[in-house]
């Protein structure tokens, strides 16, 4: 049976511990990347929603304006018929 010196065992444990730390760092970076990716997707979706809302508002404003014009034209038409 071969007996290892304590320094070899400590070096092995330090190396194994270092490997675990590297794995933890990689996991943390991937988690942060996932969060950043999710935050980017959320920001893009918010921008798209805001753009859609602005488009809808301008469409609604245009629709109201056209309805008012139609009312005026109908009023003028009623005046002409009488």
N, C-alpha and C. Protein backbone atom coordinates (compact mmCIF):
# COMPACT_ATOMS: atom_id res chain seq x y z
N UNK A 1 0.83 -1.18 0.00
CA UNK A 1 0.00 0.00 0.00
C UNK A 1 0.88 1.23 0.00
N UNK A 2 0.52 2.14 -0.87
CA UNK A 2 1.32 3.35 -1.01
C UNK A 2 0.72 4.43 -0.11
N UNK A 3 1.56 5.11 0.62
CA UNK A 3 1.12 6.18 1.51
C UNK A 3 1.51 7.50 0.87
N UNK A 4 0.52 8.36 0.72
CA UNK A 4 0.80 9.67 0.14
C UNK A 4 1.14 10.66 1.23
N UNK A 5 1.96 11.54 0.85
CA UNK A 5 2.30 12.60 1.79
C UNK A 5 1.11 13.54 1.94
N UNK A 6 0.96 14.19 3.06
CA UNK A 6 -0.16 15.11 3.26
C UNK A 6 -0.21 16.22 2.22
N UNK A 7 0.92 16.69 1.74
CA UNK A 7 0.92 17.79 0.77
C UNK A 7 0.28 17.36 -0.54
N UNK A 8 0.45 16.11 -0.95
CA UNK A 8 -0.18 15.61 -2.17
C UNK A 8 -1.69 15.59 -2.01
N UNK A 9 -2.15 15.15 -0.86
CA UNK A 9 -3.58 15.10 -0.58
C UNK A 9 -4.17 16.51 -0.56
N UNK A 10 -3.46 17.43 0.07
CA UNK A 10 -3.93 18.82 0.14
C UNK A 10 -3.98 19.43 -1.26
N UNK A 11 -2.97 19.15 -2.08
CA UNK A 11 -2.94 19.66 -3.45
C UNK A 11 -4.13 19.10 -4.23
N UNK A 12 -4.39 17.80 -4.06
CA UNK A 12 -5.53 17.18 -4.74
C UNK A 12 -6.83 17.83 -4.30
N UNK A 13 -7.02 18.04 -3.02
CA UNK A 13 -8.24 18.65 -2.50
C UNK A 13 -8.37 20.09 -2.98
N UNK A 14 -7.26 20.81 -3.01
CA UNK A 14 -7.29 22.20 -3.49
C UNK A 14 -7.67 22.24 -4.96
N UNK A 15 -7.13 21.30 -5.73
CA UNK A 15 -7.45 21.24 -7.15
C UNK A 15 -8.92 20.88 -7.35
N UNK A 16 -9.41 19.93 -6.59
CA UNK A 16 -10.81 19.54 -6.69
C UNK A 16 -11.71 20.70 -6.26
N UNK A 17 -11.32 21.39 -5.19
CA UNK A 17 -12.07 22.55 -4.73
C UNK A 17 -12.07 23.66 -5.77
N UNK A 18 -10.93 23.84 -6.42
CA UNK A 18 -10.81 24.86 -7.46
C UNK A 18 -11.73 24.51 -8.63
N UNK A 19 -11.79 23.23 -8.96
CA UNK A 19 -12.67 22.78 -10.04
C UNK A 19 -14.13 23.06 -9.69
N UNK A 20 -14.50 22.80 -8.45
CA UNK A 20 -15.87 23.07 -8.00
C UNK A 20 -16.16 24.57 -8.07
N UNK A 21 -15.18 25.39 -7.68
CA UNK A 21 -15.36 26.85 -7.75
C UNK A 21 -15.56 27.29 -9.20
N UNK A 22 -14.76 26.71 -10.11
CA UNK A 22 -14.90 27.05 -11.52
C UNK A 22 -16.29 26.67 -12.02
N UNK A 23 -16.77 25.49 -11.61
CA UNK A 23 -18.11 25.07 -12.02
C UNK A 23 -19.15 26.05 -11.47
N UNK A 24 -18.97 26.47 -10.22
CA UNK A 24 -19.91 27.43 -9.63
C UNK A 24 -19.88 28.77 -10.36
N UNK A 25 -18.69 29.21 -10.73
CA UNK A 25 -18.55 30.47 -11.46
C UNK A 25 -19.24 30.36 -12.82
N UNK A 26 -19.02 29.25 -13.49
CA UNK A 26 -19.66 29.06 -14.80
C UNK A 26 -21.17 29.02 -14.65
N UNK A 27 -21.67 28.31 -13.64
CA UNK A 27 -23.11 28.24 -13.40
C UNK A 27 -23.67 29.64 -13.14
N UNK A 28 -22.94 30.42 -12.31
CA UNK A 28 -23.39 31.76 -11.98
C UNK A 28 -23.41 32.65 -13.23
N UNK A 29 -22.36 32.53 -14.06
CA UNK A 29 -22.31 33.32 -15.29
C UNK A 29 -23.45 32.94 -16.22
N UNK A 30 -23.74 31.65 -16.33
CA UNK A 30 -24.83 31.20 -17.20
C UNK A 30 -26.17 31.71 -16.66
N UNK A 31 -26.33 31.68 -15.34
CA UNK A 31 -27.56 32.17 -14.74
C UNK A 31 -27.71 33.67 -15.02
N UNK A 32 -26.62 34.42 -14.85
CA UNK A 32 -26.65 35.86 -15.12
C UNK A 32 -26.91 36.12 -16.61
N UNK A 33 -26.32 35.29 -17.47
CA UNK A 33 -26.56 35.43 -18.90
C UNK A 33 -28.03 35.19 -19.20
N UNK A 34 -28.59 34.17 -18.56
CA UNK A 34 -30.01 33.88 -18.74
C UNK A 34 -30.87 35.04 -18.29
N UNK A 35 -30.50 35.64 -17.15
CA UNK A 35 -31.25 36.80 -16.66
C UNK A 35 -31.14 37.96 -17.63
N UNK A 36 -29.93 38.19 -18.11
CA UNK A 36 -29.72 39.30 -19.06
C UNK A 36 -30.49 39.03 -20.34
N UNK A 37 -30.48 37.78 -20.80
CA UNK A 37 -31.22 37.43 -22.00
C UNK A 37 -32.71 37.64 -21.79
N UNK A 38 -33.21 37.21 -20.64
CA UNK A 38 -34.62 37.39 -20.31
C UNK A 38 -34.97 38.87 -20.22
N UNK A 39 -34.10 39.65 -19.57
CA UNK A 39 -34.34 41.08 -19.44
C UNK A 39 -34.34 41.75 -20.82
N UNK A 40 -33.46 41.30 -21.71
CA UNK A 40 -33.43 41.86 -23.07
C UNK A 40 -34.73 41.54 -23.80
N UNK A 41 -35.19 40.29 -23.66
CA UNK A 41 -36.45 39.90 -24.31
C UNK A 41 -37.61 40.72 -23.77
N UNK A 42 -37.63 40.94 -22.45
CA UNK A 42 -38.69 41.73 -21.83
C UNK A 42 -38.66 43.16 -22.37
N UNK A 43 -37.45 43.74 -22.45
CA UNK A 43 -37.32 45.11 -22.95
C UNK A 43 -37.79 45.20 -24.39
N UNK A 44 -37.46 44.22 -25.20
CA UNK A 44 -37.89 44.22 -26.60
C UNK A 44 -39.40 44.12 -26.68
N UNK A 45 -39.99 43.25 -25.86
CA UNK A 45 -41.45 43.10 -25.87
C UNK A 45 -42.13 44.37 -25.38
N UNK A 46 -41.55 45.02 -24.36
CA UNK A 46 -42.13 46.28 -23.87
C UNK A 46 -42.10 47.34 -24.97
N UNK A 47 -40.98 47.42 -25.68
CA UNK A 47 -40.87 48.38 -26.79
C UNK A 47 -41.90 48.09 -27.87
N UNK A 48 -42.08 46.80 -28.18
CA UNK A 48 -43.06 46.43 -29.20
C UNK A 48 -44.47 46.79 -28.75
N UNK A 49 -44.76 46.53 -27.48
CA UNK A 49 -46.09 46.87 -26.95
C UNK A 49 -46.31 48.37 -26.98
N UNK A 50 -45.30 49.12 -26.55
CA UNK A 50 -45.42 50.58 -26.55
C UNK A 50 -45.62 51.09 -27.98
N UNK A 51 -44.89 50.54 -28.92
CA UNK A 51 -45.04 50.94 -30.32
C UNK A 51 -46.45 50.62 -30.81
N UNK A 52 -46.93 49.42 -30.44
CA UNK A 52 -48.29 49.03 -30.83
C UNK A 52 -49.32 49.96 -30.21
N UNK A 53 -49.12 50.28 -28.93
CA UNK A 53 -50.05 51.20 -28.26
C UNK A 53 -50.09 52.55 -28.96
N UNK A 54 -48.91 53.05 -29.33
CA UNK A 54 -48.85 54.34 -30.03
C UNK A 54 -49.54 54.25 -31.38
N UNK A 55 -49.35 53.14 -32.08
CA UNK A 55 -50.00 52.95 -33.37
C UNK A 55 -51.51 52.88 -33.20
N UNK A 56 -51.95 52.18 -32.18
CA UNK A 56 -53.39 52.05 -31.91
C UNK A 56 -53.97 53.42 -31.57
N UNK A 57 -53.26 54.19 -30.74
CA UNK A 57 -53.75 55.52 -30.37
C UNK A 57 -53.87 56.41 -31.59
N UNK A 58 -52.87 56.38 -32.46
CA UNK A 58 -52.96 57.23 -33.65
C UNK A 58 -54.09 56.75 -34.56
N UNK A 59 -54.31 55.45 -34.64
CA UNK A 59 -55.43 54.92 -35.42
C UNK A 59 -56.76 55.36 -34.81
N UNK A 60 -56.86 55.28 -33.48
CA UNK A 60 -58.09 55.71 -32.81
C UNK A 60 -58.35 57.19 -33.03
N UNK A 61 -57.29 58.00 -32.95
CA UNK A 61 -57.42 59.44 -33.19
C UNK A 61 -57.90 59.71 -34.62
N UNK A 62 -57.30 58.98 -35.56
CA UNK A 62 -57.70 59.15 -36.96
C UNK A 62 -59.15 58.71 -37.16
N UNK A 63 -59.52 57.62 -36.50
CA UNK A 63 -60.89 57.12 -36.61
C UNK A 63 -61.88 58.15 -36.04
N UNK A 64 -61.57 58.75 -34.89
CA UNK A 64 -62.43 59.78 -34.30
C UNK A 64 -62.56 60.97 -35.24
N UNK A 65 -61.45 61.37 -35.82
CA UNK A 65 -61.46 62.51 -36.74
C UNK A 65 -62.35 62.21 -37.95
N UNK A 66 -62.22 60.99 -38.49
CA UNK A 66 -63.05 60.62 -39.63
C UNK A 66 -64.54 60.56 -39.25
N UNK A 67 -64.82 60.07 -38.05
CA UNK A 67 -66.22 60.02 -37.60
C UNK A 67 -66.81 61.43 -37.47
N UNK A 68 -66.00 62.36 -36.95
CA UNK A 68 -66.47 63.74 -36.83
C UNK A 68 -66.72 64.34 -38.22
N UNK A 69 -65.84 64.06 -39.17
CA UNK A 69 -66.01 64.55 -40.54
C UNK A 69 -67.28 63.96 -41.15
N UNK A 70 -67.53 62.66 -40.88
CA UNK A 70 -68.74 62.02 -41.40
C UNK A 70 -69.99 62.68 -40.81
N UNK A 71 -69.97 62.99 -39.52
CA UNK A 71 -71.10 63.67 -38.88
C UNK A 71 -71.35 65.02 -39.53
N UNK A 72 -70.26 65.77 -39.77
CA UNK A 72 -70.40 67.09 -40.42
C UNK A 72 -70.97 66.95 -41.82
N UNK A 73 -70.45 65.95 -42.57
CA UNK A 73 -70.96 65.74 -43.94
C UNK A 73 -72.42 65.32 -43.92
N UNK A 74 -72.78 64.45 -42.98
CA UNK A 74 -74.19 64.04 -42.87
C UNK A 74 -75.08 65.22 -42.50
N UNK A 75 -74.55 66.09 -41.63
CA UNK A 75 -75.29 67.30 -41.27
C UNK A 75 -75.49 68.19 -42.47
N UNK A 76 -74.45 68.38 -43.29
CA UNK A 76 -74.55 69.20 -44.49
C UNK A 76 -75.50 68.55 -45.50
N UNK A 77 -75.44 67.22 -45.58
CA UNK A 77 -76.34 66.51 -46.49
C UNK A 77 -77.80 66.71 -46.06
N UNK A 78 -78.02 66.63 -44.74
CA UNK A 78 -79.38 66.85 -44.20
C UNK A 78 -79.86 68.28 -44.56
N UNK A 79 -78.94 69.26 -44.42
CA UNK A 79 -79.28 70.64 -44.75
C UNK A 79 -79.63 70.80 -46.23
N UNK A 80 -78.89 70.10 -47.09
CA UNK A 80 -79.12 70.20 -48.54
C UNK A 80 -80.46 69.55 -48.93
N UNK A 81 -80.81 68.47 -48.25
CA UNK A 81 -82.06 67.76 -48.55
C UNK A 81 -83.25 68.61 -48.16
N UNK A 82 -83.16 69.37 -47.13
CA UNK A 82 -84.28 70.18 -46.65
C UNK A 82 -84.44 71.39 -47.46
